[in-house]
Amino acid sequence: MTDHAPTSLVLLGSDASLAGALDAWLRAQFAEPLEIASVHTVPEALAYLQSHRVDLILADETAARSELRTIHTVSPATAIIGLIMKMDDSVQLSMLRQGIHEVLCLLPSADADHARVIERALARVNGRPGLLKPDASRLSISTAPPRLIHDLNNLLTSVNGFANLLLAQLPPDSPAHMSAEQIHLAGKRAAALIKTHAPGASPSPAPSTSATQSIAARAA
């Protein structure tokens, strides 16, 4: 029995079947008790946040087209992850501009890092790592040599640092601003990949549940 409040999530979007699949998948992946609520619009999410503590909001593509920065005003400690069905850099950038902290692509469904992305987001906001269920079927991943990881991290520090400097110096309406955003986004994705494959990284769960297959079927 836990001595703290259950982890609280909100599924924000208009697709009821997707919300149901995500609910089942989350409960299958996480060991701790979860409180999961579903709302359809940003105003509904704001009303819910007025009376509830929420660790994480998962927003689908439709909801993420709305202005989500108002959520930070009501609940600045709540993490927000945007959900997209297929990789699309323009959609990712649009979501990040709306206030999304991170974007998670649901397809390909074989991407076993989905649960780890959500776990890391939850650990940042509630300080409780190790939320996933232990599972003998978790996939092992090949690890890169430590020296290579070190050198790549040094290179990415420069890439991401200069990308941030460019974004700070370029006006938002500058044609070069979009290019700098693309560099920044690519740097973040590369850093996430390195973290996943670094020596000592925890293996990720294999998304073999029927809920994950249902999520994949949404984009078929």
N, C-alpha and C. Protein backbone atom coordinates (compact mmCIF):
# COMPACT_ATOMS: atom_id res chain seq x y z
N MET A 1 0.85 -1.20 0.00
CA MET A 1 0.00 0.00 0.00
C MET A 1 0.88 1.25 0.00
N THR A 2 0.61 2.20 -0.89
CA THR A 2 1.43 3.39 -0.99
C THR A 2 1.06 4.39 0.09
N ASP A 3 2.05 5.23 0.44
CA ASP A 3 1.81 6.26 1.44
C ASP A 3 1.75 7.63 0.80
N HIS A 4 1.44 7.67 -0.50
CA HIS A 4 1.33 8.94 -1.20
C HIS A 4 0.13 8.88 -2.14
N ALA A 5 -0.20 10.03 -2.67
CA ALA A 5 -1.37 10.10 -3.56
C ALA A 5 -1.10 9.31 -4.84
N PRO A 6 -2.13 8.70 -5.41
CA PRO A 6 -1.95 7.97 -6.68
C PRO A 6 -1.48 8.91 -7.77
N THR A 7 -0.77 8.36 -8.73
CA THR A 7 -0.36 9.14 -9.89
C THR A 7 -1.60 9.52 -10.69
N SER A 8 -1.71 10.79 -11.03
CA SER A 8 -2.92 11.31 -11.67
C SER A 8 -2.64 11.74 -13.10
N LEU A 9 -3.43 11.21 -14.04
CA LEU A 9 -3.29 11.54 -15.45
C LEU A 9 -4.63 11.98 -16.02
N VAL A 10 -4.55 12.84 -17.04
CA VAL A 10 -5.74 13.25 -17.78
C VAL A 10 -5.51 12.98 -19.25
N LEU A 11 -6.46 12.30 -19.88
CA LEU A 11 -6.43 12.07 -21.32
C LEU A 11 -7.27 13.16 -21.98
N LEU A 12 -6.63 14.03 -22.74
CA LEU A 12 -7.30 15.18 -23.33
C LEU A 12 -7.48 14.95 -24.83
N GLY A 13 -8.73 14.80 -25.26
CA GLY A 13 -8.99 14.61 -26.68
C GLY A 13 -10.42 14.18 -26.93
N SER A 14 -10.81 14.23 -28.19
CA SER A 14 -12.20 13.96 -28.55
C SER A 14 -12.44 12.52 -28.97
N ASP A 15 -11.38 11.73 -29.13
CA ASP A 15 -11.50 10.36 -29.60
C ASP A 15 -11.70 9.41 -28.42
N ALA A 16 -12.93 8.98 -28.17
CA ALA A 16 -13.23 8.14 -27.01
C ALA A 16 -12.57 6.78 -27.09
N SER A 17 -12.50 6.19 -28.29
CA SER A 17 -11.90 4.87 -28.43
C SER A 17 -10.39 4.90 -28.17
N LEU A 18 -9.74 5.98 -28.63
CA LEU A 18 -8.31 6.13 -28.35
C LEU A 18 -8.08 6.31 -26.86
N ALA A 19 -8.92 7.12 -26.21
CA ALA A 19 -8.79 7.33 -24.78
C ALA A 19 -8.95 6.01 -24.02
N GLY A 20 -9.91 5.19 -24.45
CA GLY A 20 -10.11 3.90 -23.79
C GLY A 20 -8.90 2.99 -23.96
N ALA A 21 -8.31 2.97 -25.16
CA ALA A 21 -7.13 2.15 -25.39
C ALA A 21 -5.95 2.63 -24.56
N LEU A 22 -5.76 3.94 -24.48
CA LEU A 22 -4.68 4.49 -23.68
C LEU A 22 -4.87 4.19 -22.20
N ASP A 23 -6.09 4.30 -21.72
CA ASP A 23 -6.39 3.99 -20.32
C ASP A 23 -5.96 2.56 -19.99
N ALA A 24 -6.38 1.60 -20.83
CA ALA A 24 -6.05 0.20 -20.58
C ALA A 24 -4.54 -0.04 -20.68
N TRP A 25 -3.89 0.59 -21.65
CA TRP A 25 -2.45 0.42 -21.82
C TRP A 25 -1.67 0.97 -20.64
N LEU A 26 -2.06 2.15 -20.17
CA LEU A 26 -1.37 2.76 -19.03
C LEU A 26 -1.49 1.90 -17.78
N ARG A 27 -2.68 1.39 -17.54
CA ARG A 27 -2.89 0.56 -16.35
C ARG A 27 -2.11 -0.76 -16.45
N ALA A 28 -1.88 -1.23 -17.67
CA ALA A 28 -1.13 -2.46 -17.85
C ALA A 28 0.37 -2.24 -17.67
N GLN A 29 0.84 -1.01 -17.90
CA GLN A 29 2.27 -0.74 -17.86
C GLN A 29 2.78 -0.28 -16.50
N PHE A 30 1.94 0.43 -15.75
CA PHE A 30 2.41 1.08 -14.53
C PHE A 30 1.99 0.32 -13.28
N ALA A 31 2.94 0.18 -12.35
CA ALA A 31 2.70 -0.60 -11.14
C ALA A 31 1.90 0.18 -10.11
N GLU A 32 2.10 1.48 -10.04
CA GLU A 32 1.43 2.28 -9.02
C GLU A 32 -0.04 2.50 -9.38
N PRO A 33 -0.88 2.73 -8.37
CA PRO A 33 -2.28 3.07 -8.67
C PRO A 33 -2.35 4.34 -9.51
N LEU A 34 -3.22 4.33 -10.50
CA LEU A 34 -3.38 5.47 -11.38
C LEU A 34 -4.79 6.03 -11.27
N GLU A 35 -4.88 7.33 -11.24
CA GLU A 35 -6.18 8.00 -11.39
C GLU A 35 -6.20 8.61 -12.78
N ILE A 36 -7.04 8.09 -13.66
CA ILE A 36 -7.07 8.53 -15.05
C ILE A 36 -8.44 9.11 -15.37
N ALA A 37 -8.44 10.37 -15.79
CA ALA A 37 -9.68 11.02 -16.20
C ALA A 37 -9.61 11.37 -17.68
N SER A 38 -10.74 11.43 -18.33
CA SER A 38 -10.81 11.79 -19.75
C SER A 38 -11.65 13.05 -19.91
N VAL A 39 -11.11 14.02 -20.65
CA VAL A 39 -11.86 15.24 -20.97
C VAL A 39 -11.70 15.48 -22.47
N HIS A 40 -12.62 16.24 -23.05
CA HIS A 40 -12.63 16.42 -24.50
C HIS A 40 -12.01 17.72 -24.97
N THR A 41 -12.06 18.77 -24.16
CA THR A 41 -11.60 20.08 -24.60
C THR A 41 -10.68 20.71 -23.57
N VAL A 42 -9.93 21.72 -24.01
CA VAL A 42 -9.04 22.45 -23.09
C VAL A 42 -9.84 23.13 -21.98
N PRO A 43 -11.00 23.79 -22.25
CA PRO A 43 -11.78 24.37 -21.15
C PRO A 43 -12.19 23.32 -20.11
N GLU A 44 -12.55 22.12 -20.56
CA GLU A 44 -12.89 21.05 -19.62
C GLU A 44 -11.66 20.66 -18.79
N ALA A 45 -10.50 20.63 -19.43
CA ALA A 45 -9.27 20.31 -18.70
C ALA A 45 -8.96 21.38 -17.66
N LEU A 46 -9.15 22.64 -18.02
CA LEU A 46 -8.91 23.74 -17.08
C LEU A 46 -9.84 23.65 -15.88
N ALA A 47 -11.10 23.31 -16.14
CA ALA A 47 -12.06 23.18 -15.04
C ALA A 47 -11.67 22.02 -14.13
N TYR A 48 -11.21 20.93 -14.71
CA TYR A 48 -10.80 19.77 -13.91
C TYR A 48 -9.58 20.11 -13.06
N LEU A 49 -8.63 20.87 -13.63
CA LEU A 49 -7.42 21.22 -12.91
C LEU A 49 -7.68 22.16 -11.74
N GLN A 50 -8.79 22.87 -11.78
CA GLN A 50 -9.13 23.79 -10.68
C GLN A 50 -9.37 23.02 -9.39
N SER A 51 -9.81 21.77 -9.48
CA SER A 51 -10.16 21.02 -8.27
C SER A 51 -9.40 19.71 -8.12
N HIS A 52 -8.46 19.42 -9.03
CA HIS A 52 -7.71 18.17 -8.96
C HIS A 52 -6.23 18.42 -9.19
N ARG A 53 -5.41 17.64 -8.50
CA ARG A 53 -3.97 17.63 -8.77
C ARG A 53 -3.74 16.65 -9.92
N VAL A 54 -3.02 17.10 -10.95
CA VAL A 54 -2.77 16.25 -12.12
C VAL A 54 -1.26 16.25 -12.40
N ASP A 55 -0.69 15.05 -12.46
CA ASP A 55 0.74 14.93 -12.75
C ASP A 55 1.03 15.10 -14.24
N LEU A 56 0.17 14.52 -15.08
CA LEU A 56 0.47 14.48 -16.51
C LEU A 56 -0.80 14.54 -17.33
N ILE A 57 -0.75 15.34 -18.41
CA ILE A 57 -1.83 15.38 -19.39
C ILE A 57 -1.31 14.80 -20.70
N LEU A 58 -2.06 13.86 -21.27
CA LEU A 58 -1.76 13.31 -22.59
C LEU A 58 -2.78 13.89 -23.57
N ALA A 59 -2.32 14.70 -24.50
CA ALA A 59 -3.22 15.41 -25.42
C ALA A 59 -3.07 14.88 -26.83
N ASP A 60 -4.20 14.52 -27.47
CA ASP A 60 -4.12 14.03 -28.84
C ASP A 60 -3.93 15.18 -29.82
N GLU A 61 -3.79 14.86 -31.11
CA GLU A 61 -3.46 15.88 -32.11
C GLU A 61 -4.51 16.97 -32.19
N THR A 62 -5.77 16.59 -32.09
CA THR A 62 -6.84 17.58 -32.18
C THR A 62 -6.77 18.56 -31.02
N ALA A 63 -6.63 18.03 -29.82
CA ALA A 63 -6.57 18.90 -28.64
C ALA A 63 -5.32 19.76 -28.66
N ALA A 64 -4.23 19.21 -29.19
CA ALA A 64 -2.96 19.94 -29.18
C ALA A 64 -2.94 21.10 -30.15
N ARG A 65 -3.94 21.20 -31.02
CA ARG A 65 -4.02 22.37 -31.89
C ARG A 65 -4.54 23.60 -31.14
N SER A 66 -5.09 23.35 -29.93
CA SER A 66 -5.60 24.45 -29.11
C SER A 66 -4.45 25.10 -28.35
N GLU A 67 -4.72 26.25 -27.77
CA GLU A 67 -3.73 26.95 -26.97
C GLU A 67 -3.63 26.27 -25.61
N LEU A 68 -2.57 25.50 -25.41
CA LEU A 68 -2.41 24.75 -24.16
C LEU A 68 -1.64 25.51 -23.10
N ARG A 69 -1.09 26.67 -23.45
CA ARG A 69 -0.31 27.41 -22.46
C ARG A 69 -1.16 27.86 -21.28
N THR A 70 -2.47 27.95 -21.49
CA THR A 70 -3.33 28.32 -20.36
C THR A 70 -3.30 27.27 -19.27
N ILE A 71 -3.01 26.03 -19.64
CA ILE A 71 -2.92 24.97 -18.63
C ILE A 71 -1.77 25.24 -17.68
N HIS A 72 -0.67 25.78 -18.19
CA HIS A 72 0.48 26.08 -17.33
C HIS A 72 0.12 27.13 -16.28
N THR A 73 -0.77 28.04 -16.64
CA THR A 73 -1.18 29.08 -15.69
C THR A 73 -1.95 28.47 -14.52
N VAL A 74 -2.85 27.55 -14.83
CA VAL A 74 -3.67 26.92 -13.79
C VAL A 74 -2.87 25.90 -12.99
N SER A 75 -2.02 25.13 -13.68
CA SER A 75 -1.26 24.07 -13.02
C SER A 75 0.14 23.98 -13.61
N PRO A 76 1.04 24.87 -13.20
CA PRO A 76 2.37 24.92 -13.81
C PRO A 76 3.20 23.66 -13.60
N ALA A 77 2.88 22.84 -12.59
CA ALA A 77 3.67 21.63 -12.31
C ALA A 77 3.21 20.43 -13.14
N THR A 78 2.13 20.57 -13.87
CA THR A 78 1.63 19.46 -14.67
C THR A 78 2.41 19.32 -15.97
N ALA A 79 2.92 18.12 -16.23
CA ALA A 79 3.60 17.86 -17.50
C ALA A 79 2.57 17.59 -18.59
N ILE A 80 2.90 17.94 -19.82
CA ILE A 80 1.99 17.73 -20.96
C ILE A 80 2.74 17.00 -22.07
N ILE A 81 2.22 15.86 -22.49
CA ILE A 81 2.78 15.12 -23.61
C ILE A 81 1.76 15.10 -24.74
N GLY A 82 2.21 15.49 -25.93
CA GLY A 82 1.35 15.44 -27.09
C GLY A 82 1.45 14.08 -27.78
N LEU A 83 0.34 13.58 -28.28
CA LEU A 83 0.29 12.27 -28.94
C LEU A 83 0.01 12.45 -30.42
N ILE A 84 0.88 11.90 -31.26
CA ILE A 84 0.63 11.90 -32.69
C ILE A 84 0.67 10.45 -33.17
N MET A 85 -0.11 10.15 -34.22
CA MET A 85 -0.17 8.79 -34.72
C MET A 85 1.06 8.43 -35.54
N LYS A 86 1.48 9.35 -36.40
CA LYS A 86 2.63 9.09 -37.26
C LYS A 86 3.58 10.28 -37.20
N MET A 87 4.88 10.00 -37.39
CA MET A 87 5.89 11.04 -37.28
C MET A 87 5.66 12.15 -38.30
N ASP A 88 5.60 13.37 -37.81
CA ASP A 88 5.42 14.55 -38.67
C ASP A 88 6.08 15.72 -37.96
N ASP A 89 7.22 16.18 -38.48
CA ASP A 89 7.97 17.23 -37.81
C ASP A 89 7.17 18.53 -37.69
N SER A 90 6.37 18.85 -38.70
CA SER A 90 5.60 20.10 -38.65
C SER A 90 4.56 20.05 -37.54
N VAL A 91 3.94 18.87 -37.35
CA VAL A 91 2.96 18.72 -36.26
C VAL A 91 3.67 18.80 -34.91
N GLN A 92 4.86 18.18 -34.82
CA GLN A 92 5.62 18.25 -33.58
C GLN A 92 5.95 19.69 -33.19
N LEU A 93 6.42 20.46 -34.17
CA LEU A 93 6.76 21.85 -33.90
C LEU A 93 5.53 22.64 -33.48
N SER A 94 4.41 22.39 -34.15
CA SER A 94 3.18 23.09 -33.79
C SER A 94 2.78 22.78 -32.35
N MET A 95 2.89 21.50 -31.95
CA MET A 95 2.56 21.11 -30.58
C MET A 95 3.47 21.80 -29.57
N LEU A 96 4.77 21.82 -29.86
CA LEU A 96 5.72 22.43 -28.94
C LEU A 96 5.42 23.93 -28.77
N ARG A 97 5.01 24.56 -29.87
CA ARG A 97 4.65 25.98 -29.79
C ARG A 97 3.41 26.22 -28.94
N GLN A 98 2.54 25.21 -28.86
CA GLN A 98 1.31 25.33 -28.08
C GLN A 98 1.54 25.10 -26.59
N GLY A 99 2.76 24.69 -26.22
CA GLY A 99 3.04 24.49 -24.80
C GLY A 99 3.26 23.06 -24.39
N ILE A 100 3.30 22.12 -25.37
CA ILE A 100 3.57 20.72 -25.07
C ILE A 100 5.03 20.58 -24.63
N HIS A 101 5.27 19.78 -23.58
CA HIS A 101 6.63 19.57 -23.13
C HIS A 101 7.38 18.54 -23.99
N GLU A 102 6.65 17.57 -24.49
CA GLU A 102 7.26 16.48 -25.26
C GLU A 102 6.20 15.90 -26.18
N VAL A 103 6.64 15.35 -27.33
CA VAL A 103 5.73 14.75 -28.29
C VAL A 103 6.05 13.26 -28.41
N LEU A 104 5.01 12.44 -28.32
CA LEU A 104 5.17 10.99 -28.39
C LEU A 104 4.45 10.47 -29.62
N CYS A 105 5.19 9.82 -30.52
CA CYS A 105 4.60 9.24 -31.72
C CYS A 105 4.15 7.82 -31.42
N LEU A 106 2.87 7.52 -31.61
CA LEU A 106 2.32 6.21 -31.26
C LEU A 106 2.68 5.13 -32.26
N LEU A 107 2.99 5.51 -33.48
CA LEU A 107 3.38 4.52 -34.48
C LEU A 107 4.79 4.84 -34.98
N PRO A 108 5.63 3.83 -35.22
CA PRO A 108 5.26 2.42 -35.24
C PRO A 108 5.00 1.89 -33.83
N SER A 109 4.05 0.94 -33.75
CA SER A 109 3.66 0.41 -32.45
C SER A 109 4.76 -0.42 -31.81
N ALA A 110 5.78 -0.80 -32.59
CA ALA A 110 6.88 -1.58 -32.04
C ALA A 110 7.84 -0.72 -31.23
N ASP A 111 7.65 0.60 -31.22
CA ASP A 111 8.51 1.47 -30.43
C ASP A 111 8.24 1.21 -28.95
N ALA A 112 9.20 0.53 -28.31
CA ALA A 112 9.00 0.08 -26.93
C ALA A 112 9.35 1.14 -25.92
N ASP A 113 9.68 2.35 -26.37
CA ASP A 113 10.09 3.38 -25.42
C ASP A 113 8.93 4.25 -24.95
N HIS A 114 7.72 4.01 -25.44
CA HIS A 114 6.59 4.86 -25.07
C HIS A 114 6.41 4.95 -23.56
N ALA A 115 6.40 3.80 -22.91
CA ALA A 115 6.17 3.79 -21.47
C ALA A 115 7.29 4.50 -20.73
N ARG A 116 8.52 4.37 -21.22
CA ARG A 116 9.65 5.03 -20.57
C ARG A 116 9.55 6.54 -20.70
N VAL A 117 9.09 7.02 -21.84
CA VAL A 117 8.91 8.47 -22.03
C VAL A 117 7.93 9.00 -20.99
N ILE A 118 6.81 8.29 -20.83
CA ILE A 118 5.80 8.71 -19.86
C ILE A 118 6.33 8.58 -18.44
N GLU A 119 7.06 7.51 -18.16
CA GLU A 119 7.62 7.33 -16.83
C GLU A 119 8.57 8.47 -16.47
N ARG A 120 9.43 8.88 -17.42
CA ARG A 120 10.37 9.97 -17.15
C ARG A 120 9.63 11.28 -16.89
N ALA A 121 8.56 11.52 -17.66
CA ALA A 121 7.78 12.74 -17.44
C ALA A 121 7.16 12.74 -16.05
N LEU A 122 6.61 11.61 -15.64
CA LEU A 122 6.00 11.51 -14.31
C LEU A 122 7.05 11.65 -13.21
N ALA A 123 8.23 11.07 -13.43
CA ALA A 123 9.29 11.17 -12.41
C ALA A 123 9.72 12.61 -12.23
N ARG A 124 9.69 13.40 -13.31
CA ARG A 124 10.09 14.81 -13.20
C ARG A 124 9.10 15.60 -12.35
N VAL A 125 7.83 15.26 -12.44
CA VAL A 125 6.83 16.09 -11.76
C VAL A 125 6.49 15.58 -10.36
N ASN A 126 6.57 14.25 -10.14
CA ASN A 126 6.22 13.77 -8.80
C ASN A 126 7.38 13.15 -8.05
N GLY A 127 8.56 13.11 -8.69
CA GLY A 127 9.76 12.67 -8.00
C GLY A 127 9.80 11.20 -7.67
N ARG A 128 8.95 10.39 -8.33
CA ARG A 128 8.91 8.97 -8.00
C ARG A 128 9.28 8.15 -9.24
N PRO A 129 10.57 7.76 -9.38
CA PRO A 129 10.96 6.92 -10.51
C PRO A 129 10.55 5.48 -10.27
N GLY A 130 10.79 4.64 -11.25
CA GLY A 130 10.50 3.22 -11.11
C GLY A 130 9.02 2.92 -11.04
N LEU A 131 8.20 3.60 -11.85
CA LEU A 131 6.76 3.43 -11.80
C LEU A 131 6.26 2.25 -12.63
N LEU A 132 7.11 1.75 -13.54
CA LEU A 132 6.66 0.69 -14.43
C LEU A 132 6.62 -0.66 -13.73
N LYS A 133 5.74 -1.52 -14.21
CA LYS A 133 5.67 -2.88 -13.68
C LYS A 133 6.89 -3.68 -14.12
N PRO A 134 7.43 -4.52 -13.23
CA PRO A 134 8.48 -5.44 -13.68
C PRO A 134 7.88 -6.46 -14.62
N ASP A 135 8.62 -6.80 -15.67
CA ASP A 135 8.05 -7.70 -16.67
C ASP A 135 9.18 -8.52 -17.28
N ALA A 136 9.05 -9.84 -17.19
CA ALA A 136 10.09 -10.72 -17.71
C ALA A 136 10.22 -10.62 -19.22
N SER A 137 9.18 -10.09 -19.88
CA SER A 137 9.21 -10.03 -21.34
C SER A 137 9.79 -8.73 -21.86
N ARG A 138 10.33 -7.88 -20.97
CA ARG A 138 10.89 -6.62 -21.43
C ARG A 138 12.04 -6.89 -22.40
N LEU A 139 12.12 -6.07 -23.43
CA LEU A 139 13.15 -6.25 -24.45
C LEU A 139 14.49 -5.75 -23.93
N SER A 140 15.55 -6.49 -24.25
CA SER A 140 16.88 -5.99 -23.96
C SER A 140 17.34 -5.18 -25.16
N ILE A 141 18.12 -4.12 -24.94
CA ILE A 141 18.58 -3.29 -26.04
C ILE A 141 20.10 -3.30 -26.05
N SER A 142 20.66 -3.25 -27.25
CA SER A 142 22.11 -3.22 -27.36
C SER A 142 22.60 -1.87 -26.90
N THR A 143 23.71 -1.86 -26.21
CA THR A 143 24.24 -0.61 -25.67
C THR A 143 25.45 -0.17 -26.48
N ALA A 144 25.57 1.13 -26.64
CA ALA A 144 26.70 1.68 -27.37
C ALA A 144 27.91 1.78 -26.43
N PRO A 145 29.14 1.80 -26.99
CA PRO A 145 30.34 1.95 -26.15
C PRO A 145 30.28 3.24 -25.35
N PRO A 146 30.72 3.22 -24.08
CA PRO A 146 30.66 4.43 -23.24
C PRO A 146 31.38 5.62 -23.85
N ARG A 147 32.54 5.38 -24.51
CA ARG A 147 33.29 6.49 -25.10
C ARG A 147 32.49 7.16 -26.20
N LEU A 148 31.80 6.34 -27.02
CA LEU A 148 30.98 6.91 -28.10
C LEU A 148 29.84 7.74 -27.52
N ILE A 149 29.18 7.22 -26.48
CA ILE A 149 28.11 7.97 -25.83
C ILE A 149 28.62 9.31 -25.32
N HIS A 150 29.80 9.28 -24.69
CA HIS A 150 30.40 10.51 -24.15
C HIS A 150 30.65 11.53 -25.26
N ASP A 151 31.26 11.07 -26.37
CA ASP A 151 31.58 11.99 -27.47
C ASP A 151 30.32 12.55 -28.13
N LEU A 152 29.31 11.70 -28.31
CA LEU A 152 28.06 12.17 -28.92
C LEU A 152 27.37 13.18 -28.02
N ASN A 153 27.39 12.95 -26.72
CA ASN A 153 26.78 13.90 -25.79
C ASN A 153 27.48 15.26 -25.86
N ASN A 154 28.81 15.25 -25.99
CA ASN A 154 29.55 16.51 -26.11
C ASN A 154 29.15 17.26 -27.38
N LEU A 155 29.03 16.52 -28.48
CA LEU A 155 28.63 17.15 -29.73
C LEU A 155 27.22 17.72 -29.64
N LEU A 156 26.31 16.96 -29.03
CA LEU A 156 24.93 17.42 -28.92
C LEU A 156 24.81 18.62 -27.99
N THR A 157 25.67 18.70 -26.99
CA THR A 157 25.66 19.88 -26.12
C THR A 157 25.91 21.14 -26.93
N SER A 158 26.87 21.07 -27.87
CA SER A 158 27.16 22.22 -28.73
C SER A 158 26.00 22.49 -29.69
N VAL A 159 25.48 21.44 -30.32
CA VAL A 159 24.38 21.61 -31.27
C VAL A 159 23.17 22.24 -30.59
N ASN A 160 22.76 21.67 -29.46
CA ASN A 160 21.58 22.18 -28.77
C ASN A 160 21.81 23.56 -28.18
N GLY A 161 23.02 23.79 -27.70
CA GLY A 161 23.33 25.11 -27.13
C GLY A 161 23.25 26.21 -28.16
N PHE A 162 23.88 25.99 -29.34
CA PHE A 162 23.84 27.01 -30.39
C PHE A 162 22.45 27.15 -30.99
N ALA A 163 21.69 26.05 -31.03
CA ALA A 163 20.30 26.14 -31.50
C ALA A 163 19.49 27.03 -30.57
N ASN A 164 19.69 26.89 -29.27
CA ASN A 164 18.99 27.75 -28.31
C ASN A 164 19.39 29.21 -28.47
N LEU A 165 20.68 29.46 -28.72
CA LEU A 165 21.13 30.84 -28.93
C LEU A 165 20.49 31.44 -30.17
N LEU A 166 20.41 30.65 -31.25
CA LEU A 166 19.77 31.13 -32.47
C LEU A 166 18.30 31.46 -32.25
N LEU A 167 17.59 30.57 -31.53
CA LEU A 167 16.17 30.80 -31.28
C LEU A 167 15.96 32.06 -30.45
N ALA A 168 16.88 32.34 -29.55
CA ALA A 168 16.76 33.54 -28.71
C ALA A 168 17.04 34.82 -29.50
N GLN A 169 17.88 34.71 -30.53
CA GLN A 169 18.29 35.90 -31.28
C GLN A 169 17.41 36.18 -32.50
N LEU A 170 16.80 35.14 -33.05
CA LEU A 170 16.00 35.32 -34.27
C LEU A 170 14.56 35.71 -33.93
N PRO A 171 14.00 36.69 -34.60
CA PRO A 171 12.59 37.02 -34.38
C PRO A 171 11.70 35.88 -34.84
N PRO A 172 10.54 35.68 -34.18
CA PRO A 172 9.66 34.55 -34.53
C PRO A 172 9.22 34.53 -35.98
N ASP A 173 9.13 35.70 -36.63
CA ASP A 173 8.66 35.75 -38.02
C ASP A 173 9.80 35.61 -39.03
N SER A 174 11.02 35.38 -38.54
CA SER A 174 12.16 35.23 -39.45
C SER A 174 12.10 33.87 -40.14
N PRO A 175 12.38 33.79 -41.45
CA PRO A 175 12.39 32.50 -42.15
C PRO A 175 13.40 31.52 -41.53
N ALA A 176 14.46 32.07 -40.93
CA ALA A 176 15.48 31.21 -40.33
C ALA A 176 15.04 30.63 -38.99
N HIS A 177 13.99 31.22 -38.39
CA HIS A 177 13.55 30.75 -37.08
C HIS A 177 13.05 29.31 -37.17
N MET A 178 12.31 28.97 -38.22
CA MET A 178 11.81 27.61 -38.39
C MET A 178 12.96 26.63 -38.54
N SER A 179 14.01 27.03 -39.26
CA SER A 179 15.17 26.14 -39.41
C SER A 179 15.84 25.89 -38.07
N ALA A 180 15.96 26.93 -37.26
CA ALA A 180 16.56 26.77 -35.94
C ALA A 180 15.71 25.87 -35.06
N GLU A 181 14.38 25.97 -35.20
CA GLU A 181 13.49 25.08 -34.44
C GLU A 181 13.68 23.63 -34.86
N GLN A 182 13.88 23.41 -36.16
CA GLN A 182 14.09 22.05 -36.66
C GLN A 182 15.39 21.47 -36.08
N ILE A 183 16.44 22.29 -36.02
CA ILE A 183 17.72 21.84 -35.45
C ILE A 183 17.54 21.50 -33.97
N HIS A 184 16.82 22.36 -33.27
CA HIS A 184 16.57 22.15 -31.84
C HIS A 184 15.78 20.87 -31.61
N LEU A 185 14.74 20.64 -32.43
CA LEU A 185 13.93 19.44 -32.30
C LEU A 185 14.74 18.18 -32.59
N ALA A 186 15.56 18.22 -33.65
CA ALA A 186 16.39 17.07 -33.99
C ALA A 186 17.40 16.78 -32.88
N GLY A 187 17.95 17.83 -32.28
CA GLY A 187 18.90 17.65 -31.18
C GLY A 187 18.25 17.00 -29.98
N LYS A 188 17.02 17.39 -29.67
CA LYS A 188 16.30 16.79 -28.54
C LYS A 188 16.02 15.32 -28.81
N ARG A 189 15.62 15.00 -30.03
CA ARG A 189 15.33 13.60 -30.37
C ARG A 189 16.60 12.75 -30.31
N ALA A 190 17.72 13.31 -30.77
CA ALA A 190 18.98 12.57 -30.73
C ALA A 190 19.42 12.33 -29.28
N ALA A 191 19.25 13.34 -28.42
CA ALA A 191 19.61 13.18 -27.01
C ALA A 191 18.77 12.10 -26.35
N ALA A 192 17.49 12.04 -26.71
CA ALA A 192 16.62 11.01 -26.14
C ALA A 192 17.03 9.61 -26.59
N LEU A 193 17.45 9.48 -27.86
CA LEU A 193 17.90 8.19 -28.36
C LEU A 193 19.18 7.75 -27.66
N ILE A 194 20.10 8.68 -27.43
CA ILE A 194 21.35 8.34 -26.75
C ILE A 194 21.06 7.89 -25.33
N LYS A 195 20.15 8.58 -24.66
CA LYS A 195 19.81 8.20 -23.29
C LYS A 195 19.24 6.79 -23.24
N THR A 196 18.43 6.44 -24.25
CA THR A 196 17.81 5.12 -24.29
C THR A 196 18.85 4.02 -24.45
N HIS A 197 19.88 4.26 -25.27
CA HIS A 197 20.85 3.22 -25.59
C HIS A 197 22.14 3.33 -24.80
N ALA A 198 22.20 4.24 -23.85
CA ALA A 198 23.41 4.39 -23.05
C ALA A 198 23.59 3.20 -22.12
N PRO A 199 24.85 2.84 -21.80
CA PRO A 199 25.08 1.75 -20.86
C PRO A 199 24.39 2.04 -19.53
N GLY A 200 23.70 1.04 -19.02
CA GLY A 200 23.00 1.22 -17.75
C GLY A 200 21.58 1.68 -17.91
N ALA A 201 21.17 1.99 -19.16
CA ALA A 201 19.79 2.41 -19.38
C ALA A 201 18.86 1.24 -19.12
N SER A 202 17.74 1.52 -18.51
CA SER A 202 16.79 0.46 -18.21
C SER A 202 16.15 -0.05 -19.48
N PRO A 203 16.01 -1.37 -19.66
CA PRO A 203 15.33 -1.89 -20.85
C PRO A 203 13.89 -1.47 -20.88
N SER A 204 13.35 -1.30 -22.05
CA SER A 204 12.00 -0.79 -22.22
C SER A 204 11.01 -1.93 -22.35
N PRO A 205 9.75 -1.69 -21.98
CA PRO A 205 8.75 -2.74 -22.06
C PRO A 205 8.30 -2.99 -23.48
N ALA A 206 8.08 -4.24 -23.79
CA ALA A 206 7.54 -4.58 -25.10
C ALA A 206 6.05 -4.34 -25.11
N PRO A 207 5.57 -3.49 -26.04
CA PRO A 207 4.15 -3.16 -26.05
C PRO A 207 3.33 -4.28 -26.67
N SER A 208 3.15 -5.38 -25.91
CA SER A 208 2.48 -6.56 -26.47
C SER A 208 1.03 -6.66 -26.04
N THR A 209 0.52 -5.68 -25.31
CA THR A 209 -0.84 -5.77 -24.83
C THR A 209 -1.83 -5.48 -25.94
N SER A 210 -3.05 -5.97 -25.77
CA SER A 210 -4.10 -5.71 -26.77
C SER A 210 -4.41 -4.23 -26.86
N ALA A 211 -4.19 -3.49 -25.76
CA ALA A 211 -4.44 -2.05 -25.77
C ALA A 211 -3.51 -1.36 -26.75
N THR A 212 -2.23 -1.75 -26.79
CA THR A 212 -1.29 -1.15 -27.72
C THR A 212 -1.68 -1.48 -29.15
N GLN A 213 -2.13 -2.71 -29.38
CA GLN A 213 -2.56 -3.08 -30.73
C GLN A 213 -3.78 -2.25 -31.14
N SER A 214 -4.63 -1.94 -30.18
CA SER A 214 -5.80 -1.12 -30.48
C SER A 214 -5.39 0.29 -30.85
N ILE A 215 -4.37 0.83 -30.17
CA ILE A 215 -3.85 2.15 -30.50
C ILE A 215 -3.31 2.15 -31.93
N ALA A 216 -2.55 1.10 -32.27
CA ALA A 216 -1.97 1.01 -33.61
C ALA A 216 -3.08 0.94 -34.66
N ALA A 217 -4.15 0.26 -34.35
CA ALA A 217 -5.25 0.10 -35.31
C ALA A 217 -5.92 1.42 -35.65
N ARG A 218 -5.78 2.43 -34.76
CA ARG A 218 -6.39 3.73 -35.01
C ARG A 218 -5.84 4.40 -36.25
N ALA A 219 -4.58 4.07 -36.60
CA ALA A 219 -3.96 4.72 -37.75
C ALA A 219 -3.89 3.82 -38.97
N ALA A 220 -4.48 2.63 -38.86
CA ALA A 220 -4.44 1.68 -39.98
C ALA A 220 -5.29 2.18 -41.15
